Amino acid sequence: MASEISLRTRPLAGPFALTHRAGNADHLRCLNAEAEARGLYRGMALADARAILPELATRPSDPPGEIAGLKLLRRWADRYAPQIATDGEDGLIADITGVAHLFGGEEELRDDLQARLARAGLSARSAIAGSRGGAHALARHGGGIVPDGLLAERLGPLPVSALRIPPATAVGLARMGLVRISDLIPLPRSRAASFASWCSVWTRCWAPCPSRSGRNPRRRISGCG
């Protein structure tokens, strides 16, 4: 989203990215679709990106401006849910429990969201699932809707880094052979707890979220740009 807003203000043709300084090197912070299609990705070192794509156009990122833009988008999205929060630096998360029927169902709600964003010139992916962590992970890995009861099946093939965990935790789990979410699901909690306190991380990021009444499971929609 940030790259599209920058291009809307000062148009450029071709692959484009916003960069930020981390340590002693510049990295890609936000890319347009053309840059991603050429094999570049967020977090990639700018030097490596230019080696692959010399014609890449860049500008310094504007974190305060990006935060302001995400806040505006959050207010705009309140037509889809009464409770909406930012989800990291590039996304929103909403509790749509009891709301989807107003749009004709979850698929129709998501289609309406995607269509309105597209008309506004914003590229985004969205996902609906029964947990915040599930919606977050799927929105950043293709998007879609996870029916009730299929959370483990849909998230299983994704890398553990898809969950809302610190990068160091994901690296540590990978070193122990726990590369995909499906590797974590069968672990007993007593054993998982020894792996970087994974028990509490699993509960916070992946476990389904029941409603307060215990009857109707809550549903989350997450989107990222």
C-alpha atoms as a PDB file:
ATOM      1  CA  MET A   1       0.000   0.000   0.000  1.00  0.00           C
ATOM      2  CA  ALA A   2       2.776   2.449   0.888  1.00  0.00           C
ATOM      3  CA  SER A   3       4.457   2.046  -2.493  1.00  0.00           C
ATOM      4  CA  GLU A   4       1.151   2.616  -4.300  1.00  0.00           C
ATOM      5  CA  ILE A   5       0.475   5.799  -2.316  1.00  0.00           C
ATOM      6  CA  SER A   6       3.974   7.055  -3.144  1.00  0.00           C
ATOM      7  CA  LEU A   7       3.474   6.323  -6.836  1.00  0.00           C
ATOM      8  CA  ARG A   8       0.105   8.029  -6.818  1.00  0.00           C
ATOM      9  CA  THR A   9       1.777  11.202  -5.531  1.00  0.00           C
ATOM     10  CA  ARG A  10       4.785  10.988  -7.865  1.00  0.00           C
ATOM     11  CA  PRO A  11       4.094   8.501 -10.676  1.00  0.00           C
ATOM     12  CA  LEU A  12       6.820   6.252 -12.054  1.00  0.00           C
ATOM     13  CA  ALA A  13       6.624   3.405 -14.553  1.00  0.00           C
ATOM     14  CA  GLY A  14       8.150  -0.005 -13.988  1.00  0.00           C
ATOM     15  CA  PRO A  15       9.270  -1.937 -10.896  1.00  0.00           C
ATOM     16  CA  PHE A  16       9.404   0.223  -7.779  1.00  0.00           C
ATOM     17  CA  ALA A  17      10.215  -0.137  -4.089  1.00  0.00           C
ATOM     18  CA  LEU A  18      10.462   1.920  -0.928  1.00  0.00           C
ATOM     19  CA  THR A  19      13.637   1.312   1.075  1.00  0.00           C
ATOM     20  CA  HIS A  20      14.691   1.620   4.694  1.00  0.00           C
ATOM     21  CA  ARG A  21      18.051   1.553   6.457  1.00  0.00           C
ATOM     22  CA  ALA A  22      18.791  -1.429   8.714  1.00  0.00           C
ATOM     23  CA  GLY A  23      22.283  -1.717  10.144  1.00  0.00           C
ATOM     24  CA  ASN A  24      24.731  -0.673   7.477  1.00  0.00           C
ATOM     25  CA  ALA A  25      22.597  -1.557   4.474  1.00  0.00           C
ATOM     26  CA  ASP A  26      19.409  -0.491   2.730  1.00  0.00           C
ATOM     27  CA  HIS A  27      16.586  -3.029   2.416  1.00  0.00           C
ATOM     28  CA  LEU A  28      13.316  -3.160   0.504  1.00  0.00           C
ATOM     29  CA  ARG A  29      10.406  -2.165   2.719  1.00  0.00           C
ATOM     30  CA  CYS A  30       7.484  -2.095   0.303  1.00  0.00           C
ATOM     31  CA  LEU A  31       7.271  -3.125  -3.365  1.00  0.00           C
ATOM     32  CA  ASN A  32       4.799  -2.694  -6.167  1.00  0.00           C
ATOM     33  CA  ALA A  33       3.345  -5.711  -7.942  1.00  0.00           C
ATOM     34  CA  GLU A  34       5.753  -5.432 -10.875  1.00  0.00           C
ATOM     35  CA  ALA A  35       8.790  -5.626  -8.597  1.00  0.00           C
ATOM     36  CA  GLU A  36       7.381  -8.661  -6.787  1.00  0.00           C
ATOM     37  CA  ALA A  37       6.657 -10.343 -10.108  1.00  0.00           C
ATOM     38  CA  ARG A  38      10.347 -10.000 -10.975  1.00  0.00           C
ATOM     39  CA  GLY A  39      11.394 -11.974  -7.899  1.00  0.00           C
ATOM     40  CA  LEU A  40      12.028  -9.226  -5.348  1.00  0.00           C
ATOM     41  CA  TYR A  41      10.590  -9.399  -1.845  1.00  0.00           C
ATOM     42  CA  ARG A  42      10.170  -7.342   1.308  1.00  0.00           C
ATOM     43  CA  GLY A  43      13.275  -7.289   3.515  1.00  0.00           C
ATOM     44  CA  MET A  44      15.617  -8.064   0.636  1.00  0.00           C
ATOM     45  CA  ALA A  45      18.908  -6.145   0.634  1.00  0.00           C
ATOM     46  CA  LEU A  46      18.813  -3.347  -1.913  1.00  0.00           C
ATOM     47  CA  ALA A  47      22.215  -4.395  -3.297  1.00  0.00           C
ATOM     48  CA  ASP A  48      20.867  -7.887  -4.011  1.00  0.00           C
ATOM     49  CA  ALA A  49      17.708  -6.454  -5.540  1.00  0.00           C
ATOM     50  CA  ARG A  50      19.676  -4.236  -7.912  1.00  0.00           C
ATOM     51  CA  ALA A  51      21.853  -7.191  -8.918  1.00  0.00           C
ATOM     52  CA  ILE A  52      18.691  -8.983 -10.032  1.00  0.00           C
ATOM     53  CA  LEU A  53      16.855  -5.947 -11.351  1.00  0.00           C
ATOM     54  CA  PRO A  54      19.166  -3.016 -12.198  1.00  0.00           C
ATOM     55  CA  GLU A  55      16.268  -0.890 -13.438  1.00  0.00           C
ATOM     56  CA  LEU A  56      14.506  -0.963 -10.055  1.00  0.00           C
ATOM     57  CA  ALA A  57      13.392   2.544  -9.045  1.00  0.00           C
ATOM     58  CA  THR A  58      13.450   3.341  -5.321  1.00  0.00           C
ATOM     59  CA  ARG A  59      12.599   6.034  -2.801  1.00  0.00           C
ATOM     60  CA  PRO A  60      13.204   6.232   0.952  1.00  0.00           C
ATOM     61  CA  SER A  61      10.254   5.006   2.968  1.00  0.00           C
ATOM     62  CA  ASP A  62       8.185   7.318   5.163  1.00  0.00           C
ATOM     63  CA  PRO A  63       7.223   5.307   8.298  1.00  0.00           C
ATOM     64  CA  PRO A  64       5.165   8.131   9.897  1.00  0.00           C
ATOM     65  CA  GLY A  65       3.274   8.594   6.642  1.00  0.00           C
ATOM     66  CA  GLU A  66       2.671   4.848   6.378  1.00  0.00           C
ATOM     67  CA  ILE A  67       1.263   4.738   9.906  1.00  0.00           C
ATOM     68  CA  ALA A  68      -1.052   7.646   9.110  1.00  0.00           C
ATOM     69  CA  GLY A  69      -2.213   5.928   5.931  1.00  0.00           C
ATOM     70  CA  LEU A  70      -2.952   2.695   7.788  1.00  0.00           C
ATOM     71  CA  LYS A  71      -4.982   4.615  10.378  1.00  0.00           C
ATOM     72  CA  LEU A  72      -7.057   6.180   7.599  1.00  0.00           C
ATOM     73  CA  LEU A  73      -7.636   2.752   6.087  1.00  0.00           C
ATOM     74  CA  ARG A  74      -8.655   1.435   9.498  1.00  0.00           C
ATOM     75  CA  ARG A  75     -11.358   4.095   9.783  1.00  0.00           C
ATOM     76  CA  TRP A  76     -12.507   3.377   6.231  1.00  0.00           C
ATOM     77  CA  ALA A  77     -12.842  -0.350   7.005  1.00  0.00           C
ATOM     78  CA  ASP A  78     -15.259   0.117   9.905  1.00  0.00           C
ATOM     79  CA  ARG A  79     -18.113  -0.724   7.524  1.00  0.00           C
ATOM     80  CA  TYR A  80     -17.001  -4.352   7.810  1.00  0.00           C
ATOM     81  CA  ALA A  81     -16.725  -4.744  11.576  1.00  0.00           C
ATOM     82  CA  PRO A  82     -17.194  -2.788  14.815  1.00  0.00           C
ATOM     83  CA  GLN A  83     -13.760  -3.829  16.087  1.00  0.00           C
ATOM     84  CA  ILE A  84     -10.727  -3.234  13.866  1.00  0.00           C
ATOM     85  CA  ALA A  85      -7.068  -3.053  14.864  1.00  0.00           C
ATOM     86  CA  THR A  86      -3.773  -2.648  13.089  1.00  0.00           C
ATOM     87  CA  ASP A  87      -1.957  -5.929  12.451  1.00  0.00           C
ATOM     88  CA  GLY A  88       1.755  -5.235  12.233  1.00  0.00           C
ATOM     89  CA  GLU A  89       3.102  -2.502   9.983  1.00  0.00           C
ATOM     90  CA  ASP A  90       1.160  -3.472   6.890  1.00  0.00           C
ATOM     91  CA  GLY A  91      -2.210  -4.877   7.852  1.00  0.00           C
ATOM     92  CA  LEU A  92      -5.516  -4.733   9.676  1.00  0.00           C
ATOM     93  CA  ILE A  93      -7.384  -7.347  11.692  1.00  0.00           C
ATOM     94  CA  ALA A  94     -11.127  -7.319  12.382  1.00  0.00           C
ATOM     95  CA  ASP A  95     -13.604  -9.410  14.344  1.00  0.00           C
ATOM     96  CA  ILE A  96     -16.420 -10.108  11.866  1.00  0.00           C
ATOM     97  CA  THR A  97     -18.381 -12.452  14.136  1.00  0.00           C
ATOM     98  CA  GLY A  98     -22.079 -11.871  13.432  1.00  0.00           C
ATOM     99  CA  VAL A  99     -21.376  -9.406  10.607  1.00  0.00           C
ATOM    100  CA  ALA A 100     -20.829 -11.485   7.464  1.00  0.00           C
ATOM    101  CA  HIS A 101     -24.543 -12.235   6.952  1.00  0.00           C
ATOM    102  CA  LEU A 102     -25.143  -8.526   6.338  1.00  0.00           C
ATOM    103  CA  PHE A 103     -23.114  -8.896   3.132  1.00  0.00           C
ATOM    104  CA  GLY A 104     -24.603 -12.248   2.169  1.00  0.00           C
ATOM    105  CA  GLY A 105     -21.867 -14.371   3.728  1.00  0.00           C
ATOM    106  CA  GLU A 106     -18.127 -14.409   4.324  1.00  0.00           C
ATOM    107  CA  GLU A 107     -17.229 -14.867   0.676  1.00  0.00           C
ATOM    108  CA  GLU A 108     -19.381 -11.903  -0.331  1.00  0.00           C
ATOM    109  CA  LEU A 109     -17.921  -9.744   2.462  1.00  0.00           C
ATOM    110  CA  ARG A 110     -14.375 -10.543   1.348  1.00  0.00           C
ATOM    111  CA  ASP A 111     -15.234  -9.944  -2.324  1.00  0.00           C
ATOM    112  CA  ASP A 112     -16.727  -6.556  -1.468  1.00  0.00           C
ATOM    113  CA  LEU A 113     -13.620  -5.615   0.522  1.00  0.00           C
ATOM    114  CA  GLN A 114     -11.244  -6.635  -2.250  1.00  0.00           C
ATOM    115  CA  ALA A 115     -13.297  -4.865  -4.927  1.00  0.00           C
ATOM    116  CA  ARG A 116     -13.408  -1.584  -3.003  1.00  0.00           C
ATOM    117  CA  LEU A 117      -9.675  -1.675  -2.352  1.00  0.00           C
ATOM    118  CA  ALA A 118      -9.001  -2.390  -6.032  1.00  0.00           C
ATOM    119  CA  ARG A 119     -11.175   0.550  -7.097  1.00  0.00           C
ATOM    120  CA  ALA A 120      -9.142   2.736  -4.749  1.00  0.00           C
ATOM    121  CA  GLY A 121      -5.966   1.566  -6.486  1.00  0.00           C
ATOM    122  CA  LEU A 122      -4.717  -0.433  -3.499  1.00  0.00           C
ATOM    123  CA  SER A 123      -3.375  -3.973  -3.777  1.00  0.00           C
ATOM    124  CA  ALA A 124      -4.146  -6.128  -0.755  1.00  0.00           C
ATOM    125  CA  ARG A 125      -4.721  -9.737   0.270  1.00  0.00           C
ATOM    126  CA  SER A 126      -7.317 -10.755   2.820  1.00  0.00           C
ATOM    127  CA  ALA A 127      -8.192 -13.924   4.688  1.00  0.00           C
ATOM    128  CA  ILE A 128     -10.921 -15.100   7.043  1.00  0.00           C
ATOM    129  CA  ALA A 129     -10.314 -17.726   9.715  1.00  0.00           C
ATOM    130  CA  GLY A 130     -11.407 -18.760  13.185  1.00  0.00           C
ATOM    131  CA  SER A 131      -8.321 -17.321  14.887  1.00  0.00           C
ATOM    132  CA  ARG A 132      -6.364 -14.115  14.661  1.00  0.00           C
ATOM    133  CA  GLY A 133      -3.143 -15.992  13.972  1.00  0.00           C
ATOM    134  CA  GLY A 134      -4.803 -18.057  11.260  1.00  0.00           C
ATOM    135  CA  ALA A 135      -6.194 -15.025   9.434  1.00  0.00           C
ATOM    136  CA  HIS A 136      -2.854 -13.209   9.787  1.00  0.00           C
ATOM    137  CA  ALA A 137      -0.890 -16.146   8.360  1.00  0.00           C
ATOM    138  CA  LEU A 138      -3.188 -16.850   5.427  1.00  0.00           C
ATOM    139  CA  ALA A 139      -3.495 -13.178   4.430  1.00  0.00           C
ATOM    140  CA  ARG A 140       0.279 -13.141   3.938  1.00  0.00           C
ATOM    141  CA  HIS A 141       0.321 -16.416   2.054  1.00  0.00           C
ATOM    142  CA  GLY A 142      -2.267 -16.127  -0.665  1.00  0.00           C
ATOM    143  CA  GLY A 143      -5.415 -15.165   1.239  1.00  0.00           C
ATOM    144  CA  GLY A 144      -8.736 -16.982   1.231  1.00  0.00           C
ATOM    145  CA  ILE A 145     -11.327 -18.322   3.659  1.00  0.00           C
ATOM    146  CA  VAL A 146     -10.778 -21.143   6.140  1.00  0.00           C
ATOM    147  CA  PRO A 147     -14.042 -22.974   6.951  1.00  0.00           C
ATOM    148  CA  ASP A 148     -14.635 -23.935  10.572  1.00  0.00           C
ATOM    149  CA  GLY A 149     -12.794 -27.127  11.458  1.00  0.00           C
ATOM    150  CA  LEU A 150     -10.192 -26.865   8.687  1.00  0.00           C
ATOM    151  CA  LEU A 151      -7.735 -24.474  10.327  1.00  0.00           C
ATOM    152  CA  ALA A 152      -5.026 -27.085  10.865  1.00  0.00           C
ATOM    153  CA  GLU A 153      -5.385 -28.441   7.338  1.00  0.00           C
ATOM    154  CA  ARG A 154      -5.131 -25.033   5.667  1.00  0.00           C
ATOM    155  CA  LEU A 155      -2.333 -23.630   7.831  1.00  0.00           C
ATOM    156  CA  GLY A 156      -0.307 -26.835   8.086  1.00  0.00           C
ATOM    157  CA  PRO A 157       1.735 -26.352   4.872  1.00  0.00           C
ATOM    158  CA  LEU A 158       2.723 -22.778   5.772  1.00  0.00           C
ATOM    159  CA  PRO A 159       6.133 -21.981   7.308  1.00  0.00           C
ATOM    160  CA  VAL A 160       6.252 -21.354  11.058  1.00  0.00           C
ATOM    161  CA  SER A 161       7.339 -17.790  10.251  1.00  0.00           C
ATOM    162  CA  ALA A 162       3.770 -17.203   9.010  1.00  0.00           C
ATOM    163  CA  LEU A 163       2.607 -17.108  12.630  1.00  0.00           C
ATOM    164  CA  ARG A 164       2.768 -13.960  14.723  1.00  0.00           C
ATOM    165  CA  ILE A 165       6.058 -14.901  16.383  1.00  0.00           C
ATOM    166  CA  PRO A 166       9.425 -13.115  16.605  1.00  0.00           C
ATOM    167  CA  PRO A 167      11.801 -13.977  13.720  1.00  0.00           C
ATOM    168  CA  ALA A 168      14.334 -15.360  16.214  1.00  0.00           C
ATOM    169  CA  THR A 169      11.734 -17.840  17.497  1.00  0.00           C
ATOM    170  CA  ALA A 170      10.946 -18.995  13.953  1.00  0.00           C
ATOM    171  CA  VAL A 171      14.661 -19.479  13.237  1.00  0.00           C
ATOM    172  CA  GLY A 172      15.119 -21.435  16.468  1.00  0.00           C
ATOM    173  CA  LEU A 173      12.185 -23.717  15.672  1.00  0.00           C
ATOM    174  CA  ALA A 174      13.505 -24.318  12.149  1.00  0.00           C
ATOM    175  CA  ARG A 175      16.877 -25.357  13.547  1.00  0.00           C
ATOM    176  CA  MET A 176      15.082 -28.040  15.541  1.00  0.00           C
ATOM    177  CA  GLY A 177      13.365 -29.329  12.422  1.00  0.00           C
ATOM    178  CA  LEU A 178      10.072 -27.543  13.053  1.00  0.00           C
ATOM    179  CA  VAL A 179       9.805 -25.838   9.688  1.00  0.00           C
ATOM    180  CA  ARG A 180       6.095 -25.879   8.927  1.00  0.00           C
ATOM    181  CA  ILE A 181       3.060 -25.267  11.099  1.00  0.00           C
ATOM    182  CA  SER A 182       2.093 -28.911  10.574  1.00  0.00           C
ATOM    183  CA  ASP A 183       5.280 -29.861  12.427  1.00  0.00           C
ATOM    184  CA  LEU A 184       3.994 -28.076  15.530  1.00  0.00           C
ATOM    185  CA  ILE A 185       0.407 -29.297  15.625  1.00  0.00           C
ATOM    186  CA  PRO A 186       1.050 -32.864  16.892  1.00  0.00           C
ATOM    187  CA  LEU A 187       3.532 -31.815  19.591  1.00  0.00           C
ATOM    188  CA  PRO A 188       2.334 -32.312  23.180  1.00  0.00           C
ATOM    189  CA  ARG A 189       2.177 -28.984  24.981  1.00  0.00           C
ATOM    190  CA  SER A 190       4.616 -30.233  27.620  1.00  0.00           C
ATOM    191  CA  ARG A 191       7.193 -30.888  24.912  1.00  0.00           C
ATOM    192  CA  ALA A 192       6.344 -27.794  22.922  1.00  0.00           C
ATOM    193  CA  ALA A 193       6.875 -25.636  25.988  1.00  0.00           C
ATOM    194  CA  SER A 194      10.545 -26.605  25.965  1.00  0.00           C
ATOM    195  CA  PHE A 195      10.873 -25.225  22.462  1.00  0.00           C
ATOM    196  CA  ALA A 196      11.167 -21.496  23.168  1.00  0.00           C
ATOM    197  CA  SER A 197       8.006 -21.528  25.344  1.00  0.00           C
ATOM    198  CA  TRP A 198       6.035 -22.547  22.271  1.00  0.00           C
ATOM    199  CA  CYS A 199       3.014 -23.565  24.340  1.00  0.00           C
ATOM    200  CA  SER A 200       2.061 -19.953  25.075  1.00  0.00           C
ATOM    201  CA  VAL A 201       3.016 -18.832  21.556  1.00  0.00           C
ATOM    202  CA  TRP A 202       0.805 -21.543  20.032  1.00  0.00           C
ATOM    203  CA  THR A 203      -2.139 -20.536  22.180  1.00  0.00           C
ATOM    204  CA  ARG A 204      -1.763 -16.831  21.358  1.00  0.00           C
ATOM    205  CA  CYS A 205      -1.125 -17.146  17.635  1.00  0.00           C
ATOM    206  CA  TRP A 206      -2.816 -20.266  16.340  1.00  0.00           C
ATOM    207  CA  ALA A 207      -5.451 -21.691  18.656  1.00  0.00           C
ATOM    208  CA  PRO A 208      -9.088 -21.090  17.647  1.00  0.00           C
ATOM    209  CA  CYS A 209     -10.897 -18.263  19.439  1.00  0.00           C
ATOM    210  CA  PRO A 210     -14.238 -19.350  20.965  1.00  0.00           C
ATOM    211  CA  SER A 211     -16.876 -16.783  21.717  1.00  0.00           C
ATOM    212  CA  ARG A 212     -17.520 -15.694  25.287  1.00  0.00           C
ATOM    213  CA  SER A 213     -20.716 -17.687  25.345  1.00  0.00           C
ATOM    214  CA  GLY A 214     -18.889 -20.774  24.081  1.00  0.00           C
ATOM    215  CA  ARG A 215     -21.561 -21.405  21.419  1.00  0.00           C
ATOM    216  CA  ASN A 216     -20.546 -19.479  18.285  1.00  0.00           C
ATOM    217  CA  PRO A 217     -16.880 -19.455  17.258  1.00  0.00           C
ATOM    218  CA  ARG A 218     -15.461 -16.064  16.492  1.00  0.00           C
ATOM    219  CA  ARG A 219     -14.261 -15.250  12.989  1.00  0.00           C
ATOM    220  CA  ARG A 220     -11.404 -12.923  12.069  1.00  0.00           C
ATOM    221  CA  ILE A 221     -10.554 -11.206   8.788  1.00  0.00           C
ATOM    222  CA  SER A 222      -7.017  -9.991   8.207  1.00  0.00           C
ATOM    223  CA  GLY A 223      -5.666  -7.966   5.325  1.00  0.00           C
ATOM    224  CA  CYS A 224      -2.216  -6.784   4.329  1.00  0.00           C
ATOM    225  CA  GLY A 225      -0.830  -4.585   1.602  1.00  0.00           C
END
